[in-house]
């Protein structure tokens, strides 16, 4: 007998995964219907599905779900880390691993601490702050500038580009396509410039380590280095 499944409308303004409707749906069944597919509601079932090799990363079809099948976003989406599966995903991870080694990251820990203290000093006397605007956004953006060797005064530009690209994960993706592709193009341009600046050098920073790992001359490795750098820029 078919279960009486709840329908969760992710498109509804104000929808929350913490709502009473979601809690009740989880109590009644392990999954619910949504405008996109099913939503798995229980930890054990999510864990089991994540380990099932018959399944693949659903995000790779996200733009296509909204009719975006060509253009800058559609082409880039197929190459980003979240969309790549199997051996290609493992090769990307292997390429990126040296850039995230303690040898590269540990020298930056002092900078991260100084940055946190600098931002806190800006509002500590008030005893309160608007956390996202005054700490989280500038901290994450300036961490990325430090990691990638970008002048720190460019953090606002990076944050704005990342915000525009971030609309890609919204249900309004098609309406926001122009802004999304503007943010994406800006991030790709910065990524390419960073990579080009490290070629032929002995820089041992994050980008330099990625570039050296990609120097076998293959198009795949060059694209992989670009993927890893623009992935880092999107973390803002």
C-alpha atoms as a PDB file:
ATOM      1  CA  UNK A   1       0.000   0.000   0.000  1.00  0.00           C
ATOM      2  CA  UNK A   2       1.407   3.416  -1.010  1.00  0.00           C
ATOM      3  CA  UNK A   3       2.252   5.585   2.018  1.00  0.00           C
ATOM      4  CA  UNK A   4       0.523   8.918   2.564  1.00  0.00           C
ATOM      5  CA  UNK A   5       3.543  11.117   1.874  1.00  0.00           C
ATOM      6  CA  UNK A   6       3.824  14.757   2.878  1.00  0.00           C
ATOM      7  CA  UNK A   7       4.508  17.400   0.219  1.00  0.00           C
ATOM      8  CA  UNK A   8       7.111  19.994   1.235  1.00  0.00           C
ATOM      9  CA  UNK A   9       7.075  23.087  -0.969  1.00  0.00           C
ATOM     10  CA  UNK A  10      10.663  24.339  -0.993  1.00  0.00           C
ATOM     11  CA  UNK A  11       9.582  27.200  -3.270  1.00  0.00           C
ATOM     12  CA  UNK A  12       7.248  28.687  -0.682  1.00  0.00           C
ATOM     13  CA  UNK A  13       8.435  31.971   0.815  1.00  0.00           C
ATOM     14  CA  UNK A  14       9.607  31.447   4.377  1.00  0.00           C
ATOM     15  CA  UNK A  15       9.979  27.669   4.058  1.00  0.00           C
ATOM     16  CA  UNK A  16      12.161  26.236   6.829  1.00  0.00           C
ATOM     17  CA  UNK A  17      13.581  22.769   7.301  1.00  0.00           C
ATOM     18  CA  UNK A  18      12.994  23.301  11.032  1.00  0.00           C
ATOM     19  CA  UNK A  19       9.261  23.865  10.620  1.00  0.00           C
ATOM     20  CA  UNK A  20       6.595  21.804  12.355  1.00  0.00           C
ATOM     21  CA  UNK A  21       5.482  20.500   8.947  1.00  0.00           C
ATOM     22  CA  UNK A  22       8.927  19.037   8.267  1.00  0.00           C
ATOM     23  CA  UNK A  23       9.160  17.527  11.748  1.00  0.00           C
ATOM     24  CA  UNK A  24       5.749  15.888  11.310  1.00  0.00           C
ATOM     25  CA  UNK A  25       6.649  14.599   7.857  1.00  0.00           C
ATOM     26  CA  UNK A  26       9.810  13.023   9.281  1.00  0.00           C
ATOM     27  CA  UNK A  27       7.807  11.404  12.055  1.00  0.00           C
ATOM     28  CA  UNK A  28       5.383   9.907   9.528  1.00  0.00           C
ATOM     29  CA  UNK A  29       7.826   8.620   6.915  1.00  0.00           C
ATOM     30  CA  UNK A  30      11.501   8.548   5.979  1.00  0.00           C
ATOM     31  CA  UNK A  31      10.973  10.734   2.920  1.00  0.00           C
ATOM     32  CA  UNK A  32       8.585  13.367   1.555  1.00  0.00           C
ATOM     33  CA  UNK A  33       7.694  14.760  -1.865  1.00  0.00           C
ATOM     34  CA  UNK A  34       9.005  18.154  -3.031  1.00  0.00           C
ATOM     35  CA  UNK A  35       8.744  20.201  -6.263  1.00  0.00           C
ATOM     36  CA  UNK A  36      12.070  18.685  -7.339  1.00  0.00           C
ATOM     37  CA  UNK A  37      12.144  15.067  -6.230  1.00  0.00           C
ATOM     38  CA  UNK A  38      12.023  13.446  -2.816  1.00  0.00           C
ATOM     39  CA  UNK A  39      13.492  14.812   0.410  1.00  0.00           C
ATOM     40  CA  UNK A  40      15.066  12.199   2.664  1.00  0.00           C
ATOM     41  CA  UNK A  41      14.228  13.192   6.219  1.00  0.00           C
ATOM     42  CA  UNK A  42      16.039  10.777   8.522  1.00  0.00           C
ATOM     43  CA  UNK A  43      19.756  10.557   9.276  1.00  0.00           C
ATOM     44  CA  UNK A  44      20.105   6.786   8.956  1.00  0.00           C
ATOM     45  CA  UNK A  45      18.454   6.766   5.540  1.00  0.00           C
ATOM     46  CA  UNK A  46      20.548   9.695   4.291  1.00  0.00           C
ATOM     47  CA  UNK A  47      23.690   7.919   5.494  1.00  0.00           C
ATOM     48  CA  UNK A  48      22.727   4.705   3.711  1.00  0.00           C
ATOM     49  CA  UNK A  49      21.962   6.499   0.447  1.00  0.00           C
ATOM     50  CA  UNK A  50      25.219   8.469   0.514  1.00  0.00           C
ATOM     51  CA  UNK A  51      27.124   5.183   0.630  1.00  0.00           C
ATOM     52  CA  UNK A  52      25.141   3.562  -2.187  1.00  0.00           C
ATOM     53  CA  UNK A  53      27.340   3.607  -5.306  1.00  0.00           C
ATOM     54  CA  UNK A  54      24.315   3.245  -7.579  1.00  0.00           C
ATOM     55  CA  UNK A  55      23.485   6.887  -6.876  1.00  0.00           C
ATOM     56  CA  UNK A  56      25.246  10.011  -8.138  1.00  0.00           C
ATOM     57  CA  UNK A  57      25.491  13.634  -7.045  1.00  0.00           C
ATOM     58  CA  UNK A  58      22.138  15.216  -7.863  1.00  0.00           C
ATOM     59  CA  UNK A  59      23.567  18.716  -8.002  1.00  0.00           C
ATOM     60  CA  UNK A  60      25.059  18.114 -11.430  1.00  0.00           C
ATOM     61  CA  UNK A  61      21.579  18.464 -12.975  1.00  0.00           C
ATOM     62  CA  UNK A  62      20.525  21.508 -10.940  1.00  0.00           C
ATOM     63  CA  UNK A  63      20.729  24.188 -13.695  1.00  0.00           C
ATOM     64  CA  UNK A  64      19.178  21.807 -16.243  1.00  0.00           C
ATOM     65  CA  UNK A  65      16.219  21.323 -13.890  1.00  0.00           C
ATOM     66  CA  UNK A  66      15.446  24.998 -14.513  1.00  0.00           C
ATOM     67  CA  UNK A  67      16.020  24.816 -18.263  1.00  0.00           C
ATOM     68  CA  UNK A  68      19.584  26.160 -18.218  1.00  0.00           C
ATOM     69  CA  UNK A  69      21.354  23.752 -20.564  1.00  0.00           C
ATOM     70  CA  UNK A  70      23.802  25.994 -22.442  1.00  0.00           C
ATOM     71  CA  UNK A  71      25.941  29.038 -21.832  1.00  0.00           C
ATOM     72  CA  UNK A  72      28.661  29.963 -19.349  1.00  0.00           C
ATOM     73  CA  UNK A  73      26.950  28.591 -16.237  1.00  0.00           C
ATOM     74  CA  UNK A  74      25.838  25.320 -17.826  1.00  0.00           C
ATOM     75  CA  UNK A  75      29.314  24.628 -19.230  1.00  0.00           C
ATOM     76  CA  UNK A  76      31.127  25.493 -15.994  1.00  0.00           C
ATOM     77  CA  UNK A  77      28.670  23.528 -13.855  1.00  0.00           C
ATOM     78  CA  UNK A  78      29.717  20.253 -15.474  1.00  0.00           C
ATOM     79  CA  UNK A  79      33.358  20.772 -14.472  1.00  0.00           C
ATOM     80  CA  UNK A  80      33.028  21.969 -10.876  1.00  0.00           C
ATOM     81  CA  UNK A  81      33.944  19.629  -8.036  1.00  0.00           C
ATOM     82  CA  UNK A  82      30.356  19.065  -6.856  1.00  0.00           C
ATOM     83  CA  UNK A  83      29.319  17.811 -10.295  1.00  0.00           C
ATOM     84  CA  UNK A  84      32.250  15.533 -11.086  1.00  0.00           C
ATOM     85  CA  UNK A  85      31.909  11.857 -10.208  1.00  0.00           C
ATOM     86  CA  UNK A  86      34.032   8.725  -9.973  1.00  0.00           C
ATOM     87  CA  UNK A  87      37.659   8.699 -11.078  1.00  0.00           C
ATOM     88  CA  UNK A  88      37.587  12.289 -12.328  1.00  0.00           C
ATOM     89  CA  UNK A  89      36.468  13.438  -8.876  1.00  0.00           C
ATOM     90  CA  UNK A  90      39.233  11.425  -7.228  1.00  0.00           C
ATOM     91  CA  UNK A  91      41.838  12.915  -9.600  1.00  0.00           C
ATOM     92  CA  UNK A  92      40.671  16.436  -8.754  1.00  0.00           C
ATOM     93  CA  UNK A  93      40.867  15.683  -5.041  1.00  0.00           C
ATOM     94  CA  UNK A  94      44.340  14.190  -5.466  1.00  0.00           C
ATOM     95  CA  UNK A  95      45.511  17.267  -7.387  1.00  0.00           C
ATOM     96  CA  UNK A  96      44.177  19.609  -4.701  1.00  0.00           C
ATOM     97  CA  UNK A  97      45.513  17.721  -1.671  1.00  0.00           C
ATOM     98  CA  UNK A  98      49.069  19.187  -1.694  1.00  0.00           C
ATOM     99  CA  UNK A  99      47.654  22.729  -1.735  1.00  0.00           C
ATOM    100  CA  UNK A 100      45.762  21.996   1.487  1.00  0.00           C
ATOM    101  CA  UNK A 101      48.747  20.442   3.256  1.00  0.00           C
ATOM    102  CA  UNK A 102      49.896  21.729   6.638  1.00  0.00           C
ATOM    103  CA  UNK A 103      53.050  23.106   4.957  1.00  0.00           C
ATOM    104  CA  UNK A 104      50.885  25.517   2.944  1.00  0.00           C
ATOM    105  CA  UNK A 105      48.158  26.291   5.492  1.00  0.00           C
ATOM    106  CA  UNK A 106      50.014  26.490   8.829  1.00  0.00           C
ATOM    107  CA  UNK A 107      52.060  29.610   7.944  1.00  0.00           C
ATOM    108  CA  UNK A 108      48.742  31.441   7.492  1.00  0.00           C
ATOM    109  CA  UNK A 109      47.290  30.650  10.926  1.00  0.00           C
ATOM    110  CA  UNK A 110      48.870  33.745  12.477  1.00  0.00           C
ATOM    111  CA  UNK A 111      47.308  35.908   9.773  1.00  0.00           C
ATOM    112  CA  UNK A 112      43.898  34.329  10.402  1.00  0.00           C
ATOM    113  CA  UNK A 113      44.132  35.076  14.142  1.00  0.00           C
ATOM    114  CA  UNK A 114      45.286  38.665  13.544  1.00  0.00           C
ATOM    115  CA  UNK A 115      42.442  39.202  11.107  1.00  0.00           C
ATOM    116  CA  UNK A 116      39.856  37.877  13.568  1.00  0.00           C
ATOM    117  CA  UNK A 117      41.186  40.183  16.293  1.00  0.00           C
ATOM    118  CA  UNK A 118      41.220  43.173  13.933  1.00  0.00           C
ATOM    119  CA  UNK A 119      37.565  42.662  13.025  1.00  0.00           C
ATOM    120  CA  UNK A 120      36.537  42.091  16.650  1.00  0.00           C
ATOM    121  CA  UNK A 121      38.323  45.285  17.681  1.00  0.00           C
ATOM    122  CA  UNK A 122      36.007  47.149  15.341  1.00  0.00           C
ATOM    123  CA  UNK A 123      32.913  46.395  17.406  1.00  0.00           C
ATOM    124  CA  UNK A 124      33.997  45.012  20.798  1.00  0.00           C
ATOM    125  CA  UNK A 125      33.463  48.319  22.618  1.00  0.00           C
ATOM    126  CA  UNK A 126      29.834  48.353  21.471  1.00  0.00           C
ATOM    127  CA  UNK A 127      29.332  44.906  22.951  1.00  0.00           C
ATOM    128  CA  UNK A 128      27.346  43.706  19.945  1.00  0.00           C
ATOM    129  CA  UNK A 129      27.585  43.474  16.176  1.00  0.00           C
ATOM    130  CA  UNK A 130      25.724  42.457  13.053  1.00  0.00           C
ATOM    131  CA  UNK A 131      27.707  39.231  12.832  1.00  0.00           C
ATOM    132  CA  UNK A 132      27.367  38.396   9.138  1.00  0.00           C
ATOM    133  CA  UNK A 133      28.150  41.927   7.898  1.00  0.00           C
ATOM    134  CA  UNK A 134      30.799  42.912  10.426  1.00  0.00           C
ATOM    135  CA  UNK A 135      32.623  39.616  10.937  1.00  0.00           C
ATOM    136  CA  UNK A 136      31.642  36.564   8.875  1.00  0.00           C
ATOM    137  CA  UNK A 137      31.667  38.160   5.425  1.00  0.00           C
ATOM    138  CA  UNK A 138      34.881  40.210   5.730  1.00  0.00           C
ATOM    139  CA  UNK A 139      36.652  37.391   7.583  1.00  0.00           C
ATOM    140  CA  UNK A 140      35.876  34.719   4.987  1.00  0.00           C
ATOM    141  CA  UNK A 141      36.674  37.022   2.060  1.00  0.00           C
ATOM    142  CA  UNK A 142      39.956  38.221   3.550  1.00  0.00           C
ATOM    143  CA  UNK A 143      40.973  34.670   4.484  1.00  0.00           C
ATOM    144  CA  UNK A 144      40.605  33.801   0.802  1.00  0.00           C
ATOM    145  CA  UNK A 145      42.663  36.834  -0.257  1.00  0.00           C
ATOM    146  CA  UNK A 146      45.400  35.677   2.120  1.00  0.00           C
ATOM    147  CA  UNK A 147      45.192  32.074   0.953  1.00  0.00           C
ATOM    148  CA  UNK A 148      45.337  32.936  -2.745  1.00  0.00           C
ATOM    149  CA  UNK A 149      47.745  35.870  -2.531  1.00  0.00           C
ATOM    150  CA  UNK A 150      45.223  38.521  -3.634  1.00  0.00           C
ATOM    151  CA  UNK A 151      45.648  42.126  -2.385  1.00  0.00           C
ATOM    152  CA  UNK A 152      43.514  42.355   0.736  1.00  0.00           C
ATOM    153  CA  UNK A 153      41.766  45.545  -0.394  1.00  0.00           C
ATOM    154  CA  UNK A 154      40.038  43.458  -3.093  1.00  0.00           C
ATOM    155  CA  UNK A 155      38.029  41.492  -0.527  1.00  0.00           C
ATOM    156  CA  UNK A 156      34.834  43.483  -1.152  1.00  0.00           C
ATOM    157  CA  UNK A 157      34.942  42.717  -4.879  1.00  0.00           C
ATOM    158  CA  UNK A 158      35.464  39.010  -4.176  1.00  0.00           C
ATOM    159  CA  UNK A 159      32.612  38.948  -1.675  1.00  0.00           C
ATOM    160  CA  UNK A 160      30.252  40.638  -4.141  1.00  0.00           C
ATOM    161  CA  UNK A 161      31.161  38.231  -6.952  1.00  0.00           C
ATOM    162  CA  UNK A 162      30.709  35.234  -4.642  1.00  0.00           C
ATOM    163  CA  UNK A 163      27.314  36.573  -3.537  1.00  0.00           C
ATOM    164  CA  UNK A 164      26.182  36.857  -7.151  1.00  0.00           C
ATOM    165  CA  UNK A 165      27.383  33.348  -7.939  1.00  0.00           C
ATOM    166  CA  UNK A 166      25.729  32.080  -4.765  1.00  0.00           C
ATOM    167  CA  UNK A 167      22.308  32.705  -6.322  1.00  0.00           C
ATOM    168  CA  UNK A 168      22.975  29.560  -8.354  1.00  0.00           C
ATOM    169  CA  UNK A 169      21.801  27.500  -5.381  1.00  0.00           C
ATOM    170  CA  UNK A 170      18.504  29.385  -5.165  1.00  0.00           C
ATOM    171  CA  UNK A 171      15.171  28.321  -6.639  1.00  0.00           C
ATOM    172  CA  UNK A 172      15.257  31.700  -8.429  1.00  0.00           C
ATOM    173  CA  UNK A 173      18.304  30.587 -10.436  1.00  0.00           C
ATOM    174  CA  UNK A 174      16.743  31.328 -13.836  1.00  0.00           C
ATOM    175  CA  UNK A 175      15.596  34.818 -12.835  1.00  0.00           C
ATOM    176  CA  UNK A 176      19.068  35.547 -11.432  1.00  0.00           C
ATOM    177  CA  UNK A 177      21.003  34.035 -14.343  1.00  0.00           C
ATOM    178  CA  UNK A 178      22.543  37.324 -15.534  1.00  0.00           C
ATOM    179  CA  UNK A 179      23.857  38.130 -12.042  1.00  0.00           C
ATOM    180  CA  UNK A 180      25.051  34.542 -11.537  1.00  0.00           C
ATOM    181  CA  UNK A 181      27.021  34.529 -14.789  1.00  0.00           C
ATOM    182  CA  UNK A 182      28.463  37.979 -14.007  1.00  0.00           C
ATOM    183  CA  UNK A 183      29.752  36.667 -10.671  1.00  0.00           C
ATOM    184  CA  UNK A 184      31.006  33.464 -12.281  1.00  0.00           C
ATOM    185  CA  UNK A 185      32.880  35.295 -15.044  1.00  0.00           C
ATOM    186  CA  UNK A 186      34.518  37.576 -12.493  1.00  0.00           C
ATOM    187  CA  UNK A 187      35.672  34.623 -10.397  1.00  0.00           C
ATOM    188  CA  UNK A 188      36.939  32.740 -13.457  1.00  0.00           C
ATOM    189  CA  UNK A 189      38.888  35.814 -14.620  1.00  0.00           C
ATOM    190  CA  UNK A 190      40.524  36.198 -11.197  1.00  0.00           C
ATOM    191  CA  UNK A 191      41.305  32.460 -11.067  1.00  0.00           C
ATOM    192  CA  UNK A 192      42.944  32.478 -14.501  1.00  0.00           C
ATOM    193  CA  UNK A 193      44.995  35.569 -13.638  1.00  0.00           C
ATOM    194  CA  UNK A 194      46.235  33.949 -10.419  1.00  0.00           C
ATOM    195  CA  UNK A 195      47.241  30.775 -12.252  1.00  0.00           C
ATOM    196  CA  UNK A 196      48.959  32.667 -15.090  1.00  0.00           C
ATOM    197  CA  UNK A 197      50.931  34.725 -12.555  1.00  0.00           C
ATOM    198  CA  UNK A 198      52.312  31.554 -10.923  1.00  0.00           C
ATOM    199  CA  UNK A 199      53.325  29.731 -14.106  1.00  0.00           C
ATOM    200  CA  UNK A 200      57.089  29.565 -14.497  1.00  0.00           C
ATOM    201  CA  UNK A 201      57.688  30.575 -10.877  1.00  0.00           C
ATOM    202  CA  UNK A 202      58.711  28.623  -7.791  1.00  0.00           C
ATOM    203  CA  UNK A 203      55.944  30.033  -5.600  1.00  0.00           C
ATOM    204  CA  UNK A 204      55.070  27.544  -2.879  1.00  0.00           C
ATOM    205  CA  UNK A 205      51.794  29.147  -1.801  1.00  0.00           C
ATOM    206  CA  UNK A 206      48.334  27.645  -2.382  1.00  0.00           C
ATOM    207  CA  UNK A 207      48.012  28.599  -6.059  1.00  0.00           C
ATOM    208  CA  UNK A 208      51.671  27.928  -6.825  1.00  0.00           C
ATOM    209  CA  UNK A 209      51.354  24.413  -5.390  1.00  0.00           C
ATOM    210  CA  UNK A 210      48.295  23.743  -7.560  1.00  0.00           C
ATOM    211  CA  UNK A 211      50.041  25.064 -10.658  1.00  0.00           C
ATOM    212  CA  UNK A 212      53.102  22.873 -10.130  1.00  0.00           C
ATOM    213  CA  UNK A 213      50.853  19.850  -9.663  1.00  0.00           C
ATOM    214  CA  UNK A 214      49.264  20.583 -13.047  1.00  0.00           C
ATOM    215  CA  UNK A 215      52.468  20.993 -15.045  1.00  0.00           C
ATOM    216  CA  UNK A 216      52.306  17.757 -17.011  1.00  0.00           C
ATOM    217  CA  UNK A 217      50.934  19.843 -19.875  1.00  0.00           C
ATOM    218  CA  UNK A 218      47.591  18.092 -20.257  1.00  0.00           C
ATOM    219  CA  UNK A 219      44.442  20.100 -20.787  1.00  0.00           C
ATOM    220  CA  UNK A 220      42.776  18.066 -18.036  1.00  0.00           C
ATOM    221  CA  UNK A 221      45.290  19.149 -15.423  1.00  0.00           C
ATOM    222  CA  UNK A 222      45.143  22.788 -16.493  1.00  0.00           C
ATOM    223  CA  UNK A 223      41.355  22.740 -16.185  1.00  0.00           C
ATOM    224  CA  UNK A 224      41.655  20.954 -12.850  1.00  0.00           C
ATOM    225  CA  UNK A 225      43.865  23.688 -11.408  1.00  0.00           C
ATOM    226  CA  UNK A 226      41.340  26.303 -12.543  1.00  0.00           C
ATOM    227  CA  UNK A 227      38.521  24.287 -10.959  1.00  0.00           C
ATOM    228  CA  UNK A 228      40.330  24.121  -7.618  1.00  0.00           C
ATOM    229  CA  UNK A 229      41.091  27.855  -7.533  1.00  0.00           C
ATOM    230  CA  UNK A 230      37.594  29.014  -8.459  1.00  0.00           C
ATOM    231  CA  UNK A 231      36.198  26.493  -5.965  1.00  0.00           C
ATOM    232  CA  UNK A 232      38.267  28.235  -3.268  1.00  0.00           C
ATOM    233  CA  UNK A 233      36.968  31.652  -4.334  1.00  0.00           C
ATOM    234  CA  UNK A 234      33.384  30.407  -4.036  1.00  0.00           C
ATOM    235  CA  UNK A 235      33.935  29.574  -0.357  1.00  0.00           C
ATOM    236  CA  UNK A 236      33.487  33.224   0.597  1.00  0.00           C
END
